[in-house]
Amino acid sequence: MTLRKRVAQTSKDASYAGIIVLGVGITGLMFFTLGKELFSSDSPNSIYTKAYKVCKKNVEIQDALGTPIKGYGEMTRRKRRRHVSHLEYSQDGVSFMRMKFYLEGPERKATVHLEMKKNESGRYEYRYLFVELDGYPKRTIVLEDNR
């Protein structure tokens, strides 16, 4: 094998190795981002799950909606459920998150509103969490109010 062929083959192998390393790096970054979103206590998904559990365990909500209680996010025109509507914002250097999702039981439906604020230790805590019952008579069940 001549020197020219060896150099060509080596550079070809190096470019393939570079592509493989880049692919492994991108895949690792995707898994890290996905894990952070699903398992972080500050992620919208985690906050929704905790708030849904709080609402589901509340006796007053169980009486109003009936059991079992389902929770879900916004619906598309085709009646498919998407992820929960949330808004993250910062005011005076403090991070906040607002969220809205829906509950449904055999008797009624309800809309849940919540806002969380990051405390000094960097963890979210409720500013408010309340449930508005749909239909007649309209009623609001306040679960947390730390405003």
C-alpha atoms as a PDB file:
ATOM      1  CA  MET A   1       0.000   0.000   0.000  1.00  0.00           C
ATOM      2  CA  THR A   2       1.400   3.356  -0.943  1.00  0.00           C
ATOM      3  CA  LEU A   3       1.745   6.335   1.358  1.00  0.00           C
ATOM      4  CA  ARG A   4      -0.965   8.225  -0.512  1.00  0.00           C
ATOM      5  CA  LYS A   5      -3.485   5.390  -0.035  1.00  0.00           C
ATOM      6  CA  ARG A   6      -2.603   5.081   3.661  1.00  0.00           C
ATOM      7  CA  VAL A   7      -3.143   8.817   4.230  1.00  0.00           C
ATOM      8  CA  ALA A   8      -6.445   8.693   2.339  1.00  0.00           C
ATOM      9  CA  GLN A   9      -7.635   5.651   4.323  1.00  0.00           C
ATOM     10  CA  THR A  10      -6.549   7.196   7.662  1.00  0.00           C
ATOM     11  CA  SER A  11      -8.361  10.461   6.975  1.00  0.00           C
ATOM     12  CA  LYS A  12     -11.452   8.512   5.881  1.00  0.00           C
ATOM     13  CA  ASP A  13     -11.359   6.485   9.128  1.00  0.00           C
ATOM     14  CA  ALA A  14     -10.818   9.645  11.206  1.00  0.00           C
ATOM     15  CA  SER A  15     -13.823  11.369   9.606  1.00  0.00           C
ATOM     16  CA  TYR A  16     -16.027   8.328  10.307  1.00  0.00           C
ATOM     17  CA  ALA A  17     -14.806   8.242  13.920  1.00  0.00           C
ATOM     18  CA  GLY A  18     -15.565  11.972  14.231  1.00  0.00           C
ATOM     19  CA  ILE A  19     -19.099  11.435  12.956  1.00  0.00           C
ATOM     20  CA  ILE A  20     -19.633   8.576  15.433  1.00  0.00           C
ATOM     21  CA  VAL A  21     -18.316  10.658  18.365  1.00  0.00           C
ATOM     22  CA  LEU A  22     -20.544  13.587  17.354  1.00  0.00           C
ATOM     23  CA  GLY A  23     -23.571  11.272  17.147  1.00  0.00           C
ATOM     24  CA  VAL A  24     -22.865   9.792  20.581  1.00  0.00           C
ATOM     25  CA  GLY A  25     -22.471  13.315  22.004  1.00  0.00           C
ATOM     26  CA  ILE A  26     -25.779  14.520  20.542  1.00  0.00           C
ATOM     27  CA  THR A  27     -27.567  11.388  21.781  1.00  0.00           C
ATOM     28  CA  GLY A  28     -26.137  11.902  25.277  1.00  0.00           C
ATOM     29  CA  LEU A  29     -27.279  15.537  25.279  1.00  0.00           C
ATOM     30  CA  MET A  30     -30.798  14.458  24.248  1.00  0.00           C
ATOM     31  CA  PHE A  31     -30.988  11.888  27.069  1.00  0.00           C
ATOM     32  CA  PHE A  32     -29.689  14.440  29.584  1.00  0.00           C
ATOM     33  CA  THR A  33     -32.288  17.020  28.517  1.00  0.00           C
ATOM     34  CA  LEU A  34     -35.093  14.453  28.556  1.00  0.00           C
ATOM     35  CA  GLY A  35     -34.063  13.167  32.000  1.00  0.00           C
ATOM     36  CA  LYS A  36     -33.829  16.688  33.380  1.00  0.00           C
ATOM     37  CA  GLU A  37     -37.321  17.504  32.078  1.00  0.00           C
ATOM     38  CA  LEU A  38     -38.934  14.331  33.394  1.00  0.00           C
ATOM     39  CA  PHE A  39     -37.160  13.889  36.715  1.00  0.00           C
ATOM     40  CA  SER A  40     -36.357  17.426  37.870  1.00  0.00           C
ATOM     41  CA  SER A  41     -38.598  18.684  40.664  1.00  0.00           C
ATOM     42  CA  ASP A  42     -38.672  22.103  38.952  1.00  0.00           C
ATOM     43  CA  SER A  43     -39.962  20.836  35.607  1.00  0.00           C
ATOM     44  CA  PRO A  44     -43.526  21.682  34.540  1.00  0.00           C
ATOM     45  CA  ASN A  45     -44.320  17.976  34.304  1.00  0.00           C
ATOM     46  CA  SER A  46     -43.227  17.371  37.898  1.00  0.00           C
ATOM     47  CA  ILE A  47     -45.137  20.399  39.198  1.00  0.00           C
ATOM     48  CA  TYR A  48     -48.266  19.250  37.349  1.00  0.00           C
ATOM     49  CA  THR A  49     -47.953  15.758  38.832  1.00  0.00           C
ATOM     50  CA  LYS A  50     -47.637  17.084  42.397  1.00  0.00           C
ATOM     51  CA  ALA A  51     -50.545  19.522  42.002  1.00  0.00           C
ATOM     52  CA  TYR A  52     -52.717  16.813  40.431  1.00  0.00           C
ATOM     53  CA  LYS A  53     -52.037  14.501  43.400  1.00  0.00           C
ATOM     54  CA  VAL A  54     -52.915  17.278  45.865  1.00  0.00           C
ATOM     55  CA  CYS A  55     -56.201  17.940  44.037  1.00  0.00           C
ATOM     56  CA  LYS A  56     -57.028  14.246  43.690  1.00  0.00           C
ATOM     57  CA  LYS A  57     -56.593  13.628  47.446  1.00  0.00           C
ATOM     58  CA  ASN A  58     -58.742  16.601  48.509  1.00  0.00           C
ATOM     59  CA  VAL A  59     -62.084  15.398  49.917  1.00  0.00           C
ATOM     60  CA  GLU A  60     -63.971  18.536  48.893  1.00  0.00           C
ATOM     61  CA  ILE A  61     -62.872  18.089  45.264  1.00  0.00           C
ATOM     62  CA  GLN A  62     -63.735  14.389  45.375  1.00  0.00           C
ATOM     63  CA  ASP A  63     -67.246  15.250  46.606  1.00  0.00           C
ATOM     64  CA  ALA A  64     -67.738  17.903  43.914  1.00  0.00           C
ATOM     65  CA  LEU A  65     -66.363  15.950  40.929  1.00  0.00           C
ATOM     66  CA  GLY A  66     -66.941  12.365  41.990  1.00  0.00           C
ATOM     67  CA  THR A  67     -64.328   9.632  41.739  1.00  0.00           C
ATOM     68  CA  PRO A  68     -62.245   8.620  39.851  1.00  0.00           C
ATOM     69  CA  ILE A  69     -60.731  11.989  38.913  1.00  0.00           C
ATOM     70  CA  LYS A  70     -58.735  12.416  35.693  1.00  0.00           C
ATOM     71  CA  GLY A  71     -56.325  15.269  35.030  1.00  0.00           C
ATOM     72  CA  TYR A  72     -55.241  16.574  31.623  1.00  0.00           C
ATOM     73  CA  GLY A  73     -53.874  19.577  29.739  1.00  0.00           C
ATOM     74  CA  GLU A  74     -55.231  21.636  26.863  1.00  0.00           C
ATOM     75  CA  MET A  75     -57.189  19.910  24.116  1.00  0.00           C
ATOM     76  CA  THR A  76     -56.653  20.327  20.385  1.00  0.00           C
ATOM     77  CA  ARG A  77     -59.474  20.778  17.877  1.00  0.00           C
ATOM     78  CA  ARG A  78     -59.425  17.034  17.336  1.00  0.00           C
ATOM     79  CA  LYS A  79     -60.053  16.488  21.076  1.00  0.00           C
ATOM     80  CA  ARG A  80     -56.537  15.200  21.679  1.00  0.00           C
ATOM     81  CA  ARG A  81     -54.953  16.133  24.978  1.00  0.00           C
ATOM     82  CA  ARG A  82     -51.680  17.997  24.888  1.00  0.00           C
ATOM     83  CA  HIS A  83     -49.248  18.883  27.608  1.00  0.00           C
ATOM     84  CA  VAL A  84     -50.222  21.221  30.415  1.00  0.00           C
ATOM     85  CA  SER A  85     -50.284  24.949  29.709  1.00  0.00           C
ATOM     86  CA  HIS A  86     -47.613  26.771  31.718  1.00  0.00           C
ATOM     87  CA  LEU A  87     -45.744  30.064  31.731  1.00  0.00           C
ATOM     88  CA  GLU A  88     -42.373  30.697  33.334  1.00  0.00           C
ATOM     89  CA  TYR A  89     -41.406  34.297  34.029  1.00  0.00           C
ATOM     90  CA  SER A  90     -39.139  36.366  36.233  1.00  0.00           C
ATOM     91  CA  GLN A  91     -40.051  39.463  38.221  1.00  0.00           C
ATOM     92  CA  ASP A  92     -37.545  41.457  40.277  1.00  0.00           C
ATOM     93  CA  GLY A  93     -35.044  38.614  39.959  1.00  0.00           C
ATOM     94  CA  VAL A  94     -37.461  35.975  41.317  1.00  0.00           C
ATOM     95  CA  SER A  95     -38.646  33.089  39.106  1.00  0.00           C
ATOM     96  CA  PHE A  96     -42.344  32.236  38.892  1.00  0.00           C
ATOM     97  CA  MET A  97     -44.381  29.590  37.089  1.00  0.00           C
ATOM     98  CA  ARG A  98     -48.100  29.720  36.334  1.00  0.00           C
ATOM     99  CA  MET A  99     -49.996  26.668  35.225  1.00  0.00           C
ATOM    100  CA  LYS A 100     -53.503  25.698  34.204  1.00  0.00           C
ATOM    101  CA  PHE A 101     -54.891  22.203  33.757  1.00  0.00           C
ATOM    102  CA  TYR A 102     -58.218  20.426  33.946  1.00  0.00           C
ATOM    103  CA  LEU A 103     -59.845  17.831  36.183  1.00  0.00           C
ATOM    104  CA  GLU A 104     -62.752  15.626  35.266  1.00  0.00           C
ATOM    105  CA  GLY A 105     -64.869  13.308  37.355  1.00  0.00           C
ATOM    106  CA  PRO A 106     -68.126  11.477  36.672  1.00  0.00           C
ATOM    107  CA  GLU A 107     -70.181  14.376  38.096  1.00  0.00           C
ATOM    108  CA  ARG A 108     -68.403  17.540  36.873  1.00  0.00           C
ATOM    109  CA  LYS A 109     -65.355  19.152  35.358  1.00  0.00           C
ATOM    110  CA  ALA A 110     -63.033  21.731  36.878  1.00  0.00           C
ATOM    111  CA  THR A 111     -60.124  24.002  35.992  1.00  0.00           C
ATOM    112  CA  VAL A 112     -57.035  24.148  38.209  1.00  0.00           C
ATOM    113  CA  HIS A 113     -54.971  27.343  38.451  1.00  0.00           C
ATOM    114  CA  LEU A 114     -51.651  27.522  40.245  1.00  0.00           C
ATOM    115  CA  GLU A 115     -48.658  29.779  40.581  1.00  0.00           C
ATOM    116  CA  MET A 116     -45.341  28.834  42.121  1.00  0.00           C
ATOM    117  CA  LYS A 117     -42.455  31.003  43.259  1.00  0.00           C
ATOM    118  CA  LYS A 118     -38.807  30.014  43.704  1.00  0.00           C
ATOM    119  CA  ASN A 119     -37.723  30.495  47.296  1.00  0.00           C
ATOM    120  CA  GLU A 120     -34.239  31.386  48.572  1.00  0.00           C
ATOM    121  CA  SER A 121     -33.089  27.762  48.384  1.00  0.00           C
ATOM    122  CA  GLY A 122     -34.061  27.551  44.695  1.00  0.00           C
ATOM    123  CA  ARG A 123     -37.117  25.306  45.156  1.00  0.00           C
ATOM    124  CA  TYR A 124     -40.605  26.129  43.926  1.00  0.00           C
ATOM    125  CA  GLU A 125     -43.363  26.679  46.506  1.00  0.00           C
ATOM    126  CA  TYR A 126     -47.041  27.445  45.950  1.00  0.00           C
ATOM    127  CA  ARG A 127     -48.210  31.045  45.846  1.00  0.00           C
ATOM    128  CA  TYR A 128     -51.717  29.810  45.132  1.00  0.00           C
ATOM    129  CA  LEU A 129     -53.522  26.658  44.054  1.00  0.00           C
ATOM    130  CA  PHE A 130     -57.250  26.723  43.479  1.00  0.00           C
ATOM    131  CA  VAL A 131     -59.887  24.762  41.591  1.00  0.00           C
ATOM    132  CA  GLU A 132     -62.795  26.394  39.727  1.00  0.00           C
ATOM    133  CA  LEU A 133     -65.745  24.053  39.287  1.00  0.00           C
ATOM    134  CA  ASP A 134     -67.394  24.264  35.870  1.00  0.00           C
ATOM    135  CA  GLY A 135     -71.147  24.282  35.419  1.00  0.00           C
ATOM    136  CA  TYR A 136     -73.807  25.487  37.800  1.00  0.00           C
ATOM    137  CA  PRO A 137     -73.353  26.489  40.582  1.00  0.00           C
ATOM    138  CA  LYS A 138     -69.877  27.875  39.978  1.00  0.00           C
ATOM    139  CA  ARG A 139     -67.627  27.469  42.978  1.00  0.00           C
ATOM    140  CA  THR A 140     -63.937  27.907  43.794  1.00  0.00           C
ATOM    141  CA  ILE A 141     -62.054  25.572  46.114  1.00  0.00           C
ATOM    142  CA  VAL A 142     -58.877  27.163  47.466  1.00  0.00           C
ATOM    143  CA  LEU A 143     -56.198  24.634  48.388  1.00  0.00           C
ATOM    144  CA  GLU A 144     -53.222  26.996  48.911  1.00  0.00           C
ATOM    145  CA  ASP A 145     -53.051  30.778  49.151  1.00  0.00           C
ATOM    146  CA  ASN A 146     -49.709  32.270  50.196  1.00  0.00           C
ATOM    147  CA  ARG A 147     -49.959  35.610  48.409  1.00  0.00           C
END
